[in-house]
N, C-alpha and C. Protein backbone atom coordinates (compact mmCIF):
# COMPACT_ATOMS: atom_id res chain seq x y z
N UNK A 1 -7.02 43.20 21.78
CA UNK A 1 -6.19 42.38 22.31
C UNK A 1 -5.33 42.01 20.81
N UNK A 2 -4.19 41.59 20.94
CA UNK A 2 -4.01 40.89 19.78
C UNK A 2 -3.45 39.41 20.30
N UNK A 3 -4.10 38.60 19.89
CA UNK A 3 -3.64 37.14 19.93
C UNK A 3 -2.84 36.16 19.42
N UNK A 4 -2.22 36.57 18.18
CA UNK A 4 -1.06 36.07 17.36
C UNK A 4 -0.16 36.62 18.33
N UNK A 5 0.12 37.41 19.24
CA UNK A 5 1.49 37.19 19.43
C UNK A 5 1.83 36.24 20.75
N UNK A 6 0.93 35.67 21.20
CA UNK A 6 0.62 34.69 22.25
C UNK A 6 1.23 33.39 21.75
N UNK A 7 0.67 33.12 20.78
CA UNK A 7 0.47 31.94 20.33
C UNK A 7 2.02 31.81 18.95
N UNK A 8 2.44 32.60 18.50
CA UNK A 8 3.62 32.48 17.63
C UNK A 8 4.75 32.17 18.89
N UNK A 9 5.04 32.25 19.61
CA UNK A 9 6.25 31.97 20.58
C UNK A 9 6.11 30.61 20.93
N UNK A 10 4.99 29.83 21.02
CA UNK A 10 4.88 28.68 21.56
C UNK A 10 4.40 27.76 20.87
N UNK A 11 4.21 27.83 19.58
CA UNK A 11 3.72 26.76 18.66
C UNK A 11 4.70 26.89 17.46
N UNK A 12 4.81 25.40 17.06
CA UNK A 12 5.78 25.12 16.21
C UNK A 12 5.10 25.23 14.94
N UNK A 13 5.73 25.27 13.44
CA UNK A 13 5.16 25.42 12.44
C UNK A 13 4.95 24.04 12.04
N UNK A 14 3.80 24.02 11.23
CA UNK A 14 3.36 22.45 10.39
C UNK A 14 4.62 22.57 9.69
N UNK A 15 5.29 21.12 9.91
CA UNK A 15 5.95 20.46 9.00
C UNK A 15 5.12 19.72 7.80
N UNK A 16 5.34 20.10 6.42
CA UNK A 16 4.77 19.33 5.60
C UNK A 16 6.02 18.14 5.09
N UNK A 17 5.46 17.05 5.06
CA UNK A 17 6.16 16.00 4.61
C UNK A 17 6.54 15.97 2.94
N UNK A 18 7.75 15.41 2.67
CA UNK A 18 8.00 15.70 1.26
C UNK A 18 7.15 14.45 0.37
N UNK A 19 6.45 15.13 -0.65
CA UNK A 19 5.59 14.21 -1.29
C UNK A 19 6.16 14.04 -2.73
N UNK A 20 6.44 12.47 -2.92
CA UNK A 20 6.71 11.54 -4.10
C UNK A 20 5.95 11.61 -4.89
N UNK A 21 6.18 11.57 -6.24
CA UNK A 21 5.24 11.54 -7.46
C UNK A 21 5.34 10.17 -7.90
N UNK A 22 3.97 9.32 -7.80
CA UNK A 22 4.47 7.94 -8.15
C UNK A 22 4.89 7.60 -9.61
N UNK A 23 4.67 8.49 -10.25
CA UNK A 23 5.36 8.40 -11.41
C UNK A 23 6.69 8.82 -11.90
N UNK A 24 7.29 9.17 -10.70
CA UNK A 24 8.84 9.34 -10.90
C UNK A 24 9.37 8.32 -11.38
N UNK A 25 10.38 8.47 -12.35
CA UNK A 25 10.80 7.17 -12.87
C UNK A 25 12.09 7.11 -12.28
N UNK A 26 12.59 5.66 -12.17
CA UNK A 26 13.78 5.23 -11.02
C UNK A 26 14.07 4.06 -11.33
N UNK A 27 15.44 3.73 -11.39
CA UNK A 27 15.74 2.33 -12.10
C UNK A 27 16.56 1.82 -10.93
N UNK A 28 16.31 1.97 -9.74
CA UNK A 28 17.39 1.68 -8.75
C UNK A 28 16.60 0.08 -8.39
N UNK A 29 15.24 -0.35 -8.34
CA UNK A 29 15.17 -1.58 -8.14
C UNK A 29 15.60 -2.72 -9.39
N UNK A 30 15.56 -2.21 -10.50
CA UNK A 30 15.75 -3.17 -11.66
C UNK A 30 16.56 -2.56 -12.58
N UNK A 31 17.89 -3.30 -12.19
CA UNK A 31 19.03 -2.86 -13.05
C UNK A 31 19.75 -3.57 -14.01
N UNK A 32 20.42 -3.52 -15.07
CA UNK A 32 21.56 -4.34 -15.78
C UNK A 32 20.29 -5.21 -16.45
N UNK A 33 20.78 -6.14 -16.37
CA UNK A 33 20.23 -7.72 -17.36
C UNK A 33 18.58 -7.76 -16.94
N UNK A 34 18.26 -7.57 -15.73
CA UNK A 34 17.03 -7.91 -15.15
C UNK A 34 16.14 -6.75 -15.94
N UNK A 35 16.34 -5.51 -16.30
CA UNK A 35 15.71 -4.77 -16.91
C UNK A 35 15.45 -4.87 -18.32
N UNK A 36 16.62 -5.42 -18.97
CA UNK A 36 16.67 -5.87 -20.47
C UNK A 36 15.75 -6.99 -20.76
N UNK A 37 15.78 -8.01 -19.61
CA UNK A 37 14.58 -9.30 -19.89
C UNK A 37 13.63 -9.06 -19.44
N UNK A 38 13.24 -7.97 -19.08
CA UNK A 38 11.75 -7.75 -18.63
C UNK A 38 11.04 -6.64 -19.75
N UNK A 39 11.86 -5.97 -20.12
CA UNK A 39 11.41 -5.19 -21.40
C UNK A 39 11.38 -6.10 -22.62
N UNK A 40 12.04 -6.99 -22.75
CA UNK A 40 12.09 -8.05 -23.97
C UNK A 40 10.95 -8.97 -23.57
N UNK A 41 10.47 -9.38 -22.70
CA UNK A 41 9.32 -10.08 -22.02
C UNK A 41 8.21 -9.53 -22.72
N UNK A 42 8.20 -8.16 -21.97
CA UNK A 42 6.95 -7.16 -22.40
C UNK A 42 6.68 -6.95 -23.87
N UNK A 43 7.87 -6.67 -24.44
CA UNK A 43 7.82 -6.74 -26.12
C UNK A 43 7.39 -7.82 -26.87
N UNK A 44 7.79 -9.02 -26.54
CA UNK A 44 7.57 -10.39 -26.78
C UNK A 44 6.26 -10.75 -26.66
N UNK A 45 5.42 -10.27 -25.35
CA UNK A 45 4.06 -10.53 -25.12
C UNK A 45 2.95 -9.86 -25.98
N UNK A 46 3.69 -8.60 -26.14
CA UNK A 46 3.12 -7.78 -27.08
C UNK A 46 2.77 -8.38 -28.52
N UNK A 47 3.78 -8.71 -29.21
CA UNK A 47 3.90 -9.23 -30.42
C UNK A 47 3.01 -10.53 -30.57
N UNK A 48 3.29 -11.00 -29.14
CA UNK A 48 2.00 -12.60 -29.67
C UNK A 48 0.54 -12.22 -29.56
N UNK A 49 0.25 -11.02 -28.72
CA UNK A 49 -1.09 -10.51 -28.68
C UNK A 49 -1.74 -9.96 -29.91
N UNK A 50 -0.43 -9.29 -30.71
CA UNK A 50 -0.80 -8.60 -32.35
C UNK A 50 -0.92 -9.95 -32.87
N UNK A 51 -0.18 -10.89 -32.79
CA UNK A 51 0.16 -11.99 -33.70
C UNK A 51 -1.59 -12.77 -33.83
N UNK A 52 -1.81 -12.69 -32.92
CA UNK A 52 -3.18 -13.72 -32.43
C UNK A 52 -4.34 -12.91 -32.95
N UNK A 53 -4.04 -11.62 -33.03
CA UNK A 53 -4.94 -10.94 -33.83
C UNK A 53 -5.08 -10.93 -35.40
N UNK A 54 -4.15 -11.14 -35.67
CA UNK A 54 -4.12 -11.25 -37.28
C UNK A 54 -4.95 -12.21 -37.59
N UNK A 55 -4.78 -13.47 -36.94
CA UNK A 55 -5.48 -14.70 -37.69
C UNK A 55 -7.26 -14.31 -37.51
N UNK A 56 -7.33 -14.23 -38.79
CA UNK A 56 -8.86 -14.36 -39.60
C UNK A 56 -9.68 -15.56 -39.31
N UNK A 57 -9.36 -16.88 -39.37
CA UNK A 57 -9.82 -18.16 -39.40
C UNK A 57 -9.34 -19.20 -38.79
N UNK A 58 -10.15 -19.99 -38.13
CA UNK A 58 -9.28 -21.08 -37.72
C UNK A 58 -10.74 -21.95 -36.97
N UNK A 59 -9.90 -23.52 -37.18
CA UNK A 59 -11.34 -24.58 -37.22
C UNK A 59 -11.24 -24.81 -35.84
N UNK A 60 -10.48 -25.24 -35.07
CA UNK A 60 -10.59 -25.37 -33.66
C UNK A 60 -9.74 -24.19 -32.93
N UNK A 61 -11.02 -23.16 -32.63
CA UNK A 61 -10.15 -21.75 -31.64
C UNK A 61 -10.04 -22.02 -30.27
N UNK A 62 -10.32 -23.40 -29.77
CA UNK A 62 -9.76 -23.34 -28.34
C UNK A 62 -8.76 -23.08 -27.87
N UNK A 63 -7.41 -23.65 -28.75
CA UNK A 63 -6.17 -23.38 -28.40
C UNK A 63 -5.68 -21.73 -28.57
N UNK A 64 -6.43 -21.55 -29.79
CA UNK A 64 -6.08 -20.10 -29.96
C UNK A 64 -6.46 -18.76 -28.89
N UNK A 65 -7.50 -19.65 -28.35
CA UNK A 65 -8.27 -18.55 -27.20
C UNK A 65 -7.59 -18.59 -26.30
N UNK A 66 -6.90 -19.72 -25.71
CA UNK A 66 -6.18 -19.94 -24.68
C UNK A 66 -4.76 -19.21 -24.59
N UNK A 67 -4.30 -19.30 -26.04
CA UNK A 67 -3.37 -18.59 -26.23
C UNK A 67 -3.33 -16.65 -26.31
N UNK A 68 -4.55 -16.39 -26.34
CA UNK A 68 -4.73 -15.07 -26.75
C UNK A 68 -4.61 -14.73 -25.17
N UNK A 69 -5.47 -15.62 -24.36
CA UNK A 69 -5.70 -15.38 -22.71
C UNK A 69 -4.41 -15.15 -22.41
N UNK A 70 -3.42 -16.18 -22.57
CA UNK A 70 -2.21 -16.25 -21.96
C UNK A 70 -1.29 -15.00 -21.78
N UNK A 71 -1.35 -14.48 -23.80
CA UNK A 71 -0.39 -13.48 -24.14
C UNK A 71 -0.76 -12.32 -23.59
N UNK A 72 -2.31 -12.07 -23.72
CA UNK A 72 -2.74 -10.84 -22.99
C UNK A 72 -2.23 -10.64 -21.52
N UNK A 73 -2.31 -11.64 -20.58
CA UNK A 73 -2.00 -11.60 -19.49
C UNK A 73 -0.66 -11.58 -18.91
N UNK A 74 0.18 -12.19 -19.95
CA UNK A 74 1.63 -11.83 -19.76
C UNK A 74 1.92 -10.80 -20.12
N UNK A 75 1.37 -10.17 -20.96
CA UNK A 75 1.51 -8.47 -21.36
C UNK A 75 1.13 -7.37 -20.19
N UNK A 76 -0.12 -7.68 -19.82
CA UNK A 76 -0.44 -6.88 -18.85
C UNK A 76 0.32 -6.89 -17.23
N UNK A 77 0.62 -8.01 -17.02
CA UNK A 77 1.37 -8.46 -15.65
C UNK A 77 2.87 -7.94 -15.81
N UNK A 78 3.48 -8.01 -17.06
CA UNK A 78 5.22 -7.70 -17.37
C UNK A 78 4.92 -5.95 -17.36
N UNK A 79 3.78 -5.48 -17.70
CA UNK A 79 3.48 -3.87 -17.74
C UNK A 79 3.55 -3.67 -16.20
N UNK A 80 2.77 -4.31 -15.79
CA UNK A 80 2.58 -3.98 -14.05
C UNK A 80 3.97 -4.16 -13.20
N UNK A 81 4.79 -4.95 -13.67
CA UNK A 81 6.10 -5.31 -12.98
C UNK A 81 6.93 -4.12 -13.31
N UNK A 82 6.94 -3.76 -14.64
CA UNK A 82 7.79 -2.80 -14.97
C UNK A 82 7.56 -1.44 -14.36
N UNK A 83 5.97 -1.44 -13.98
CA UNK A 83 5.87 0.59 -13.77
C UNK A 83 5.86 0.12 -12.02
N UNK A 84 5.88 -1.24 -11.39
CA UNK A 84 6.25 -1.02 -10.01
C UNK A 84 7.44 -0.63 -9.35
N UNK A 85 8.58 -1.55 -10.32
CA UNK A 85 9.71 -1.73 -10.12
C UNK A 85 10.58 -0.38 -10.66
N UNK A 86 10.00 0.19 -11.97
CA UNK A 86 10.75 1.32 -12.37
C UNK A 86 10.15 2.46 -12.00
N UNK A 87 9.42 2.47 -10.92
CA UNK A 87 8.86 4.29 -10.47
C UNK A 87 9.04 4.09 -8.97
N UNK A 88 8.61 5.35 -8.67
CA UNK A 88 8.62 5.30 -7.08
C UNK A 88 7.27 4.50 -6.15
N UNK A 89 6.58 3.89 -6.94
CA UNK A 89 5.69 2.90 -6.39
C UNK A 89 6.14 2.15 -5.98
N UNK A 90 7.41 1.56 -5.56
CA UNK A 90 7.81 0.46 -5.11
C UNK A 90 8.10 1.08 -3.49
N UNK A 91 8.71 2.11 -3.54
CA UNK A 91 9.12 3.11 -2.31
C UNK A 91 7.68 3.28 -1.45
N UNK A 92 6.99 3.58 -2.35
CA UNK A 92 5.33 4.36 -1.52
C UNK A 92 4.83 3.29 -1.07
N UNK A 93 4.51 2.12 -1.68
CA UNK A 93 3.88 0.55 -1.25
C UNK A 93 4.82 0.02 0.26
N UNK A 94 5.91 0.05 -0.38
CA UNK A 94 6.68 -0.78 0.89
C UNK A 94 7.20 -1.90 0.19
N UNK A 95 8.42 -2.56 0.66
CA UNK A 95 8.75 -3.97 0.17
C UNK A 95 8.10 -4.90 0.38
N UNK A 96 7.27 -5.16 1.77
CA UNK A 96 6.68 -5.84 1.97
C UNK A 96 5.32 -6.26 1.43
N UNK A 97 4.66 -5.18 1.25
CA UNK A 97 3.50 -4.89 0.26
C UNK A 97 3.80 -5.64 -1.43
N UNK A 98 4.48 -4.90 -1.83
CA UNK A 98 5.18 -5.47 -2.98
C UNK A 98 5.76 -6.79 -3.53
N UNK A 99 6.23 -7.33 -2.22
CA UNK A 99 6.12 -9.09 -2.37
C UNK A 99 4.91 -10.12 -2.10
N UNK A 100 3.97 -9.28 -1.43
CA UNK A 100 2.53 -9.91 -1.34
C UNK A 100 1.99 -10.07 -2.73
N UNK A 101 2.12 -8.88 -3.06
CA UNK A 101 1.50 -8.46 -4.90
C UNK A 101 1.91 -9.34 -5.56
């Protein structure tokens, strides 16, 4: 007895949802001057981190350590913003979760 003929007529094929890659580049969310400002901010914060690392001697280093923390944090956060807004991750997460983030 062939059981496949019974089930072929009544069952629907499983439809796979299209899968989006999180690394797909899209500039729909960050266009024009906003993209330029974010890229410039990322470059300046990276330059600040590099300039801080060049300093070999300091007498009162508390301000330098604070500057290192702020510039490194700004660099990492601006990279995160560029990644979220310039890839498909924005659509994958959803607008409400991105705003909470």
